[in-house]
Amino acid sequence: MKNILVPKHRVLSEEEAEELLKRYNVTKDMLPKIKINDPGL
C-alpha cells in the first residue's frame, strides 16, 4: 500500500525482536496481533 501515513513493515529477526521486547519491557503476548484481513495488508 503506497501511502505516507502507513509506516513500512518488515519481519524482525529473533535478535531484533528480543531487543525490542527488552527495550519496551513487554512480552509478545502484550503486543497487538496483525491479522491477514487487517487494513493495509
C-alpha atoms as a PDB file:
ATOM      1  CA  MET A   1       0.000   0.000   0.000  1.00  0.00           C
ATOM      2  CA  LYS A   2       1.541   3.300  -1.050  1.00  0.00           C
ATOM      3  CA  ASN A   3       0.558   5.954   1.470  1.00  0.00           C
ATOM      4  CA  ILE A   4       2.712   8.290   3.537  1.00  0.00           C
ATOM      5  CA  LEU A   5       0.585   7.556   6.614  1.00  0.00           C
ATOM      6  CA  VAL A   6       1.290   3.797   6.502  1.00  0.00           C
ATOM      7  CA  PRO A   7       4.697   3.018   8.025  1.00  0.00           C
ATOM      8  CA  LYS A   8       6.976   0.483   6.362  1.00  0.00           C
ATOM      9  CA  HIS A   9       6.580  -3.030   7.782  1.00  0.00           C
ATOM     10  CA  ARG A  10       9.145  -5.819   7.915  1.00  0.00           C
ATOM     11  CA  VAL A  11       9.696  -9.042   9.828  1.00  0.00           C
ATOM     12  CA  LEU A  12      12.225  -8.711  12.658  1.00  0.00           C
ATOM     13  CA  SER A  13      14.982 -11.214  13.256  1.00  0.00           C
ATOM     14  CA  GLU A  14      14.847 -13.120  16.553  1.00  0.00           C
ATOM     15  CA  GLU A  15      17.624 -10.896  17.939  1.00  0.00           C
ATOM     16  CA  GLU A  16      15.829  -7.692  16.912  1.00  0.00           C
ATOM     17  CA  ALA A  17      12.584  -8.949  18.436  1.00  0.00           C
ATOM     18  CA  GLU A  18      14.268  -9.764  21.767  1.00  0.00           C
ATOM     19  CA  GLU A  19      15.920  -6.322  21.829  1.00  0.00           C
ATOM     20  CA  LEU A  20      12.591  -4.617  21.127  1.00  0.00           C
ATOM     21  CA  LEU A  21      10.818  -6.563  23.881  1.00  0.00           C
ATOM     22  CA  LYS A  22      13.558  -5.694  26.393  1.00  0.00           C
ATOM     23  CA  ARG A  23      13.660  -2.019  25.363  1.00  0.00           C
ATOM     24  CA  TYR A  24       9.929  -1.545  25.958  1.00  0.00           C
ATOM     25  CA  ASN A  25       9.712  -4.051  28.851  1.00  0.00           C
ATOM     26  CA  VAL A  26       6.893  -6.038  27.229  1.00  0.00           C
ATOM     27  CA  THR A  27       6.197  -9.638  26.268  1.00  0.00           C
ATOM     28  CA  LYS A  28       4.988 -10.959  22.908  1.00  0.00           C
ATOM     29  CA  ASP A  29       1.543 -11.523  24.437  1.00  0.00           C
ATOM     30  CA  MET A  30       1.248  -7.790  25.179  1.00  0.00           C
ATOM     31  CA  LEU A  31       1.735  -6.740  21.540  1.00  0.00           C
ATOM     32  CA  PRO A  32      -1.169  -6.387  19.089  1.00  0.00           C
ATOM     33  CA  LYS A  33      -1.651  -9.207  16.618  1.00  0.00           C
ATOM     34  CA  ILE A  34      -1.628  -8.438  12.884  1.00  0.00           C
ATOM     35  CA  LYS A  35      -4.247 -10.441  11.023  1.00  0.00           C
ATOM     36  CA  ILE A  36      -4.424 -11.109   7.295  1.00  0.00           C
ATOM     37  CA  ASN A  37      -7.685  -9.134   6.996  1.00  0.00           C
ATOM     38  CA  ASP A  38      -6.330  -6.013   8.742  1.00  0.00           C
ATOM     39  CA  PRO A  39      -6.454  -2.873   6.558  1.00  0.00           C
ATOM     40  CA  GLY A  40      -3.252  -2.166   4.696  1.00  0.00           C
ATOM     41  CA  LEU A  41      -2.072  -5.764   4.346  1.00  0.00           C
END
